[in-house]
């Protein structure tokens, strides 16, 4: 997935005649804290809530001092680059520019990214989550996959997270099975450190326990 395929069709852009009050109203309506400021197809800046609070909210954006080069991504940038840029700059929305001429094409919101991963990262598939802690110099996804497959499972998705000031990292895998006891036992046999595991059955049981506790409390 690349940037141009994630552009929101709903989020409006700001113009120099808009005021801080206008922007705050739009931000509230679309649940974002950043909006692009454009003049026709040219990106002029990225307006944030914090920036608006530094000025009189009735001032038009033509009176603002804008950053020379606001954060943006190109239309062909991969979704991981979009995530990186939004994380680095702490954004809820990021402008997208054309690859060749740099014209403004639209904006991608944090909600757009969350929706993409919810729909395409196997998150809606039934199964279980296993979190492993491994040495980064010994990490092998193919070995982990072989262990899972030897017990009749399939890895639907995986994520890596490095641990600061350490050679260890956490590997989170989504497996297509709800009963993963044999897989957990296999990881133990191969001396993998299982940090945590979550199954749908356990999740449903936990919800039921919380529901029963609430009903018991209300009946007192």
C-alpha atoms as a PDB file:
ATOM      1  CA  UNK A   1       0.000   0.000   0.000  1.00  0.00           C
ATOM      2  CA  UNK A   2       1.326   3.446  -0.960  1.00  0.00           C
ATOM      3  CA  UNK A   3       0.370   6.974   0.066  1.00  0.00           C
ATOM      4  CA  UNK A   4      -1.897   7.899  -2.850  1.00  0.00           C
ATOM      5  CA  UNK A   5      -4.106   4.901  -2.062  1.00  0.00           C
ATOM      6  CA  UNK A   6      -4.669   6.091   1.531  1.00  0.00           C
ATOM      7  CA  UNK A   7      -5.594   9.724   0.835  1.00  0.00           C
ATOM      8  CA  UNK A   8      -8.752  10.753   2.680  1.00  0.00           C
ATOM      9  CA  UNK A   9     -11.663  11.893   0.529  1.00  0.00           C
ATOM     10  CA  UNK A  10     -13.326  13.725   3.414  1.00  0.00           C
ATOM     11  CA  UNK A  11     -10.765  15.924   5.187  1.00  0.00           C
ATOM     12  CA  UNK A  12     -10.885  19.503   3.811  1.00  0.00           C
ATOM     13  CA  UNK A  13      -7.800  21.707   3.438  1.00  0.00           C
ATOM     14  CA  UNK A  14      -7.274  25.133   4.947  1.00  0.00           C
ATOM     15  CA  UNK A  15      -6.669  28.298   2.938  1.00  0.00           C
ATOM     16  CA  UNK A  16      -5.038  31.616   3.786  1.00  0.00           C
ATOM     17  CA  UNK A  17      -8.411  33.255   4.358  1.00  0.00           C
ATOM     18  CA  UNK A  18      -9.393  30.694   6.999  1.00  0.00           C
ATOM     19  CA  UNK A  19      -8.940  31.570  10.662  1.00  0.00           C
ATOM     20  CA  UNK A  20      -7.852  29.571  13.683  1.00  0.00           C
ATOM     21  CA  UNK A  21     -11.496  29.281  14.702  1.00  0.00           C
ATOM     22  CA  UNK A  22     -12.346  27.772  11.310  1.00  0.00           C
ATOM     23  CA  UNK A  23      -9.540  25.263  11.664  1.00  0.00           C
ATOM     24  CA  UNK A  24     -10.487  24.265  15.205  1.00  0.00           C
ATOM     25  CA  UNK A  25     -14.052  23.599  14.090  1.00  0.00           C
ATOM     26  CA  UNK A  26     -12.856  21.347  11.251  1.00  0.00           C
ATOM     27  CA  UNK A  27     -10.371  19.570  13.525  1.00  0.00           C
ATOM     28  CA  UNK A  28     -13.109  18.869  16.036  1.00  0.00           C
ATOM     29  CA  UNK A  29     -15.435  17.543  13.363  1.00  0.00           C
ATOM     30  CA  UNK A  30     -12.858  15.143  11.888  1.00  0.00           C
ATOM     31  CA  UNK A  31     -10.987  14.277  15.117  1.00  0.00           C
ATOM     32  CA  UNK A  32      -7.549  15.481  13.980  1.00  0.00           C
ATOM     33  CA  UNK A  33      -5.078  18.003  15.422  1.00  0.00           C
ATOM     34  CA  UNK A  34      -3.341  18.887  12.146  1.00  0.00           C
ATOM     35  CA  UNK A  35      -4.617  20.218   8.820  1.00  0.00           C
ATOM     36  CA  UNK A  36      -2.781  21.196   5.609  1.00  0.00           C
ATOM     37  CA  UNK A  37      -2.713  24.830   4.528  1.00  0.00           C
ATOM     38  CA  UNK A  38      -2.779  25.089   0.725  1.00  0.00           C
ATOM     39  CA  UNK A  39      -3.001  27.619  -2.060  1.00  0.00           C
ATOM     40  CA  UNK A  40      -4.490  25.843  -5.071  1.00  0.00           C
ATOM     41  CA  UNK A  41      -2.064  22.888  -5.524  1.00  0.00           C
ATOM     42  CA  UNK A  42       0.767  24.310  -3.377  1.00  0.00           C
ATOM     43  CA  UNK A  43       1.336  23.113   0.191  1.00  0.00           C
ATOM     44  CA  UNK A  44       2.044  26.188   2.345  1.00  0.00           C
ATOM     45  CA  UNK A  45       2.153  24.616   5.776  1.00  0.00           C
ATOM     46  CA  UNK A  46       0.695  22.224   8.298  1.00  0.00           C
ATOM     47  CA  UNK A  47      -1.515  23.915  10.890  1.00  0.00           C
ATOM     48  CA  UNK A  48      -1.679  22.374  14.365  1.00  0.00           C
ATOM     49  CA  UNK A  49      -3.787  23.054  17.430  1.00  0.00           C
ATOM     50  CA  UNK A  50      -0.691  24.214  19.300  1.00  0.00           C
ATOM     51  CA  UNK A  51       0.106  26.718  16.542  1.00  0.00           C
ATOM     52  CA  UNK A  52      -3.412  28.155  16.639  1.00  0.00           C
ATOM     53  CA  UNK A  53      -3.191  28.646  20.414  1.00  0.00           C
ATOM     54  CA  UNK A  54      -0.137  30.872  19.905  1.00  0.00           C
ATOM     55  CA  UNK A  55      -2.155  33.336  17.800  1.00  0.00           C
ATOM     56  CA  UNK A  56      -5.435  35.173  18.029  1.00  0.00           C
ATOM     57  CA  UNK A  57      -7.974  32.549  16.855  1.00  0.00           C
ATOM     58  CA  UNK A  58      -9.724  35.204  14.757  1.00  0.00           C
ATOM     59  CA  UNK A  59      -6.582  35.920  12.698  1.00  0.00           C
ATOM     60  CA  UNK A  60      -6.455  34.519   9.149  1.00  0.00           C
ATOM     61  CA  UNK A  61      -3.610  32.145   8.352  1.00  0.00           C
ATOM     62  CA  UNK A  62      -2.092  34.748   6.053  1.00  0.00           C
ATOM     63  CA  UNK A  63      -0.854  36.392   9.271  1.00  0.00           C
ATOM     64  CA  UNK A  64       0.915  33.257  10.538  1.00  0.00           C
ATOM     65  CA  UNK A  65       4.639  32.534  10.440  1.00  0.00           C
ATOM     66  CA  UNK A  66       4.876  29.159   8.766  1.00  0.00           C
ATOM     67  CA  UNK A  67       7.637  26.553   8.751  1.00  0.00           C
ATOM     68  CA  UNK A  68       9.783  26.669   5.631  1.00  0.00           C
ATOM     69  CA  UNK A  69       9.162  22.994   4.841  1.00  0.00           C
ATOM     70  CA  UNK A  70       6.286  21.240   6.650  1.00  0.00           C
ATOM     71  CA  UNK A  71       6.289  17.430   7.036  1.00  0.00           C
ATOM     72  CA  UNK A  72       4.867  15.514   4.066  1.00  0.00           C
ATOM     73  CA  UNK A  73       5.066  12.227   2.178  1.00  0.00           C
ATOM     74  CA  UNK A  74       5.195  11.535  -1.551  1.00  0.00           C
ATOM     75  CA  UNK A  75       2.385   9.738  -3.343  1.00  0.00           C
ATOM     76  CA  UNK A  76       4.549   6.626  -3.912  1.00  0.00           C
ATOM     77  CA  UNK A  77       5.810   6.343  -0.333  1.00  0.00           C
ATOM     78  CA  UNK A  78       5.060   3.029   1.352  1.00  0.00           C
ATOM     79  CA  UNK A  79       2.702   2.834   4.307  1.00  0.00           C
ATOM     80  CA  UNK A  80       5.663   2.134   6.615  1.00  0.00           C
ATOM     81  CA  UNK A  81       7.297   5.425   5.584  1.00  0.00           C
ATOM     82  CA  UNK A  82       4.012   7.206   6.274  1.00  0.00           C
ATOM     83  CA  UNK A  83       3.917   5.663   9.745  1.00  0.00           C
ATOM     84  CA  UNK A  84       7.535   6.656  10.370  1.00  0.00           C
ATOM     85  CA  UNK A  85       6.968  10.277   9.380  1.00  0.00           C
ATOM     86  CA  UNK A  86       3.792  10.581  11.436  1.00  0.00           C
ATOM     87  CA  UNK A  87       5.520   9.060  14.452  1.00  0.00           C
ATOM     88  CA  UNK A  88       8.640  11.264  14.151  1.00  0.00           C
ATOM     89  CA  UNK A  89       6.582  14.465  13.874  1.00  0.00           C
ATOM     90  CA  UNK A  90       3.770  13.323  16.216  1.00  0.00           C
ATOM     91  CA  UNK A  91       1.071  13.971  13.612  1.00  0.00           C
ATOM     92  CA  UNK A  92      -2.585  13.046  13.359  1.00  0.00           C
ATOM     93  CA  UNK A  93      -2.615  13.925   9.645  1.00  0.00           C
ATOM     94  CA  UNK A  94       0.102  14.310   7.009  1.00  0.00           C
ATOM     95  CA  UNK A  95      -0.012  15.956   3.547  1.00  0.00           C
ATOM     96  CA  UNK A  96       0.651  13.934   0.391  1.00  0.00           C
ATOM     97  CA  UNK A  97       2.537  15.517  -2.529  1.00  0.00           C
ATOM     98  CA  UNK A  98       2.819  14.351  -6.135  1.00  0.00           C
ATOM     99  CA  UNK A  99       6.023  12.492  -6.946  1.00  0.00           C
ATOM    100  CA  UNK A 100       7.053  14.602  -9.965  1.00  0.00           C
ATOM    101  CA  UNK A 101       5.839  18.150  -9.538  1.00  0.00           C
ATOM    102  CA  UNK A 102       5.253  18.306  -5.757  1.00  0.00           C
ATOM    103  CA  UNK A 103       1.658  19.458  -6.070  1.00  0.00           C
ATOM    104  CA  UNK A 104      -0.625  18.890  -3.103  1.00  0.00           C
ATOM    105  CA  UNK A 105      -2.818  15.801  -3.539  1.00  0.00           C
ATOM    106  CA  UNK A 106      -4.540  15.387  -0.188  1.00  0.00           C
ATOM    107  CA  UNK A 107      -4.013  14.236   3.364  1.00  0.00           C
ATOM    108  CA  UNK A 108      -3.699  10.925   5.213  1.00  0.00           C
ATOM    109  CA  UNK A 109      -5.002  10.748   8.776  1.00  0.00           C
ATOM    110  CA  UNK A 110      -3.991   8.516  11.642  1.00  0.00           C
ATOM    111  CA  UNK A 111      -7.460   7.007  11.482  1.00  0.00           C
ATOM    112  CA  UNK A 112      -6.836   6.100   7.826  1.00  0.00           C
ATOM    113  CA  UNK A 113      -3.715   4.165   8.862  1.00  0.00           C
ATOM    114  CA  UNK A 114      -5.481   2.393  11.727  1.00  0.00           C
ATOM    115  CA  UNK A 115      -8.325   1.401   9.417  1.00  0.00           C
ATOM    116  CA  UNK A 116      -5.868   0.088   6.833  1.00  0.00           C
ATOM    117  CA  UNK A 117      -4.070  -2.126   9.352  1.00  0.00           C
ATOM    118  CA  UNK A 118      -7.325  -3.308  10.899  1.00  0.00           C
ATOM    119  CA  UNK A 119      -8.580  -4.428   7.494  1.00  0.00           C
ATOM    120  CA  UNK A 120      -5.338  -5.721   5.971  1.00  0.00           C
ATOM    121  CA  UNK A 121      -3.074  -6.932   8.774  1.00  0.00           C
ATOM    122  CA  UNK A 122      -5.078 -10.082   9.554  1.00  0.00           C
ATOM    123  CA  UNK A 123      -6.391  -8.402  12.704  1.00  0.00           C
ATOM    124  CA  UNK A 124      -9.956  -9.448  11.933  1.00  0.00           C
ATOM    125  CA  UNK A 125      -8.985 -13.082  11.340  1.00  0.00           C
ATOM    126  CA  UNK A 126      -9.728 -15.510  14.206  1.00  0.00           C
ATOM    127  CA  UNK A 127      -6.667 -16.780  16.004  1.00  0.00           C
ATOM    128  CA  UNK A 128      -4.178 -16.069  18.762  1.00  0.00           C
ATOM    129  CA  UNK A 129      -1.290 -13.764  19.568  1.00  0.00           C
ATOM    130  CA  UNK A 130       2.105 -14.918  20.842  1.00  0.00           C
ATOM    131  CA  UNK A 131       4.870 -12.574  21.999  1.00  0.00           C
ATOM    132  CA  UNK A 132       8.423 -13.960  21.961  1.00  0.00           C
ATOM    133  CA  UNK A 133      11.617 -12.391  23.254  1.00  0.00           C
ATOM    134  CA  UNK A 134      14.675 -13.277  21.171  1.00  0.00           C
ATOM    135  CA  UNK A 135      18.268 -12.182  20.723  1.00  0.00           C
ATOM    136  CA  UNK A 136      18.486  -9.971  17.659  1.00  0.00           C
ATOM    137  CA  UNK A 137      21.604 -11.793  16.452  1.00  0.00           C
ATOM    138  CA  UNK A 138      19.835 -15.144  16.628  1.00  0.00           C
ATOM    139  CA  UNK A 139      16.452 -14.020  15.299  1.00  0.00           C
ATOM    140  CA  UNK A 140      15.039 -16.101  12.452  1.00  0.00           C
ATOM    141  CA  UNK A 141      11.417 -15.679  11.367  1.00  0.00           C
ATOM    142  CA  UNK A 142      11.739 -18.760   9.164  1.00  0.00           C
ATOM    143  CA  UNK A 143      12.625 -20.870  12.215  1.00  0.00           C
ATOM    144  CA  UNK A 144       9.679 -19.460  14.161  1.00  0.00           C
ATOM    145  CA  UNK A 145       7.394 -20.155  11.201  1.00  0.00           C
ATOM    146  CA  UNK A 146       8.643 -23.755  10.945  1.00  0.00           C
ATOM    147  CA  UNK A 147       7.834 -24.359  14.616  1.00  0.00           C
ATOM    148  CA  UNK A 148       4.324 -22.942  14.189  1.00  0.00           C
ATOM    149  CA  UNK A 149       3.719 -24.898  10.982  1.00  0.00           C
ATOM    150  CA  UNK A 150       5.015 -28.125  12.543  1.00  0.00           C
ATOM    151  CA  UNK A 151       2.080 -27.892  14.951  1.00  0.00           C
ATOM    152  CA  UNK A 152      -0.459 -27.211  12.207  1.00  0.00           C
ATOM    153  CA  UNK A 153      -0.558 -23.442  12.490  1.00  0.00           C
ATOM    154  CA  UNK A 154       0.129 -20.568  10.103  1.00  0.00           C
ATOM    155  CA  UNK A 155       1.597 -17.147  10.923  1.00  0.00           C
ATOM    156  CA  UNK A 156      -0.836 -14.537   9.627  1.00  0.00           C
ATOM    157  CA  UNK A 157       1.246 -11.534  10.614  1.00  0.00           C
ATOM    158  CA  UNK A 158       4.318 -10.525  12.602  1.00  0.00           C
ATOM    159  CA  UNK A 159       5.754  -7.394  14.196  1.00  0.00           C
ATOM    160  CA  UNK A 160       9.166  -6.640  15.653  1.00  0.00           C
ATOM    161  CA  UNK A 161       9.936  -4.294  18.544  1.00  0.00           C
ATOM    162  CA  UNK A 162      13.468  -3.581  19.656  1.00  0.00           C
ATOM    163  CA  UNK A 163      14.215  -3.253  23.372  1.00  0.00           C
ATOM    164  CA  UNK A 164      16.249  -0.164  24.231  1.00  0.00           C
ATOM    165  CA  UNK A 165      19.819  -0.704  25.483  1.00  0.00           C
ATOM    166  CA  UNK A 166      19.574  -4.417  24.867  1.00  0.00           C
ATOM    167  CA  UNK A 167      20.344  -7.068  22.258  1.00  0.00           C
ATOM    168  CA  UNK A 168      16.882  -8.498  22.834  1.00  0.00           C
ATOM    169  CA  UNK A 169      13.769  -7.760  20.824  1.00  0.00           C
ATOM    170  CA  UNK A 170      10.134  -8.821  20.960  1.00  0.00           C
ATOM    171  CA  UNK A 171       8.503 -10.703  18.106  1.00  0.00           C
ATOM    172  CA  UNK A 172       4.701 -10.588  18.060  1.00  0.00           C
ATOM    173  CA  UNK A 173       3.015 -13.126  15.801  1.00  0.00           C
ATOM    174  CA  UNK A 174      -0.622 -13.662  14.906  1.00  0.00           C
ATOM    175  CA  UNK A 175      -1.451 -17.366  14.459  1.00  0.00           C
ATOM    176  CA  UNK A 176      -4.547 -18.736  12.753  1.00  0.00           C
ATOM    177  CA  UNK A 177      -5.454 -21.048  15.643  1.00  0.00           C
ATOM    178  CA  UNK A 178      -7.359 -20.406  18.858  1.00  0.00           C
ATOM    179  CA  UNK A 179      -5.934 -23.479  20.607  1.00  0.00           C
ATOM    180  CA  UNK A 180      -2.175 -22.879  20.673  1.00  0.00           C
ATOM    181  CA  UNK A 181      -1.125 -25.049  23.597  1.00  0.00           C
ATOM    182  CA  UNK A 182       0.898 -27.402  21.373  1.00  0.00           C
ATOM    183  CA  UNK A 183       2.591 -24.408  19.699  1.00  0.00           C
ATOM    184  CA  UNK A 184       3.530 -22.882  23.062  1.00  0.00           C
ATOM    185  CA  UNK A 185       4.932 -26.236  24.166  1.00  0.00           C
ATOM    186  CA  UNK A 186       6.949 -26.409  20.937  1.00  0.00           C
ATOM    187  CA  UNK A 187       8.431 -22.970  21.585  1.00  0.00           C
ATOM    188  CA  UNK A 188       9.462 -24.117  25.056  1.00  0.00           C
ATOM    189  CA  UNK A 189      11.132 -27.232  23.613  1.00  0.00           C
ATOM    190  CA  UNK A 190      13.166 -25.037  21.275  1.00  0.00           C
ATOM    191  CA  UNK A 191      14.071 -22.734  24.195  1.00  0.00           C
ATOM    192  CA  UNK A 192      12.125 -19.708  22.996  1.00  0.00           C
ATOM    193  CA  UNK A 193      11.125 -17.240  25.702  1.00  0.00           C
ATOM    194  CA  UNK A 194       7.352 -16.760  25.460  1.00  0.00           C
ATOM    195  CA  UNK A 195       6.597 -13.391  27.044  1.00  0.00           C
ATOM    196  CA  UNK A 196       2.823 -13.566  26.619  1.00  0.00           C
ATOM    197  CA  UNK A 197       0.065 -15.289  24.683  1.00  0.00           C
ATOM    198  CA  UNK A 198      -3.531 -14.307  24.058  1.00  0.00           C
ATOM    199  CA  UNK A 199      -6.363 -16.425  22.676  1.00  0.00           C
ATOM    200  CA  UNK A 200      -9.894 -15.476  21.742  1.00  0.00           C
ATOM    201  CA  UNK A 201     -11.221 -18.037  24.229  1.00  0.00           C
ATOM    202  CA  UNK A 202      -9.299 -16.389  27.075  1.00  0.00           C
ATOM    203  CA  UNK A 203     -10.461 -12.961  25.933  1.00  0.00           C
ATOM    204  CA  UNK A 204     -14.115 -14.046  25.874  1.00  0.00           C
ATOM    205  CA  UNK A 205     -13.749 -15.670  29.308  1.00  0.00           C
ATOM    206  CA  UNK A 206     -12.246 -12.446  30.686  1.00  0.00           C
ATOM    207  CA  UNK A 207     -15.106 -10.396  29.249  1.00  0.00           C
ATOM    208  CA  UNK A 208     -17.609 -12.830  30.782  1.00  0.00           C
ATOM    209  CA  UNK A 209     -15.903 -12.567  34.177  1.00  0.00           C
ATOM    210  CA  UNK A 210     -16.010  -8.771  34.014  1.00  0.00           C
ATOM    211  CA  UNK A 211     -19.661  -8.876  32.960  1.00  0.00           C
ATOM    212  CA  UNK A 212     -20.577 -11.275  35.791  1.00  0.00           C
ATOM    213  CA  UNK A 213     -18.746  -9.061  38.294  1.00  0.00           C
ATOM    214  CA  UNK A 214     -20.606  -5.993  37.056  1.00  0.00           C
ATOM    215  CA  UNK A 215     -23.985  -7.757  37.245  1.00  0.00           C
ATOM    216  CA  UNK A 216     -23.172  -8.989  40.757  1.00  0.00           C
ATOM    217  CA  UNK A 217     -22.231  -5.449  41.802  1.00  0.00           C
ATOM    218  CA  UNK A 218     -25.433  -3.979  40.364  1.00  0.00           C
ATOM    219  CA  UNK A 219     -27.553  -6.566  42.156  1.00  0.00           C
ATOM    220  CA  UNK A 220     -26.072  -5.713  45.573  1.00  0.00           C
END
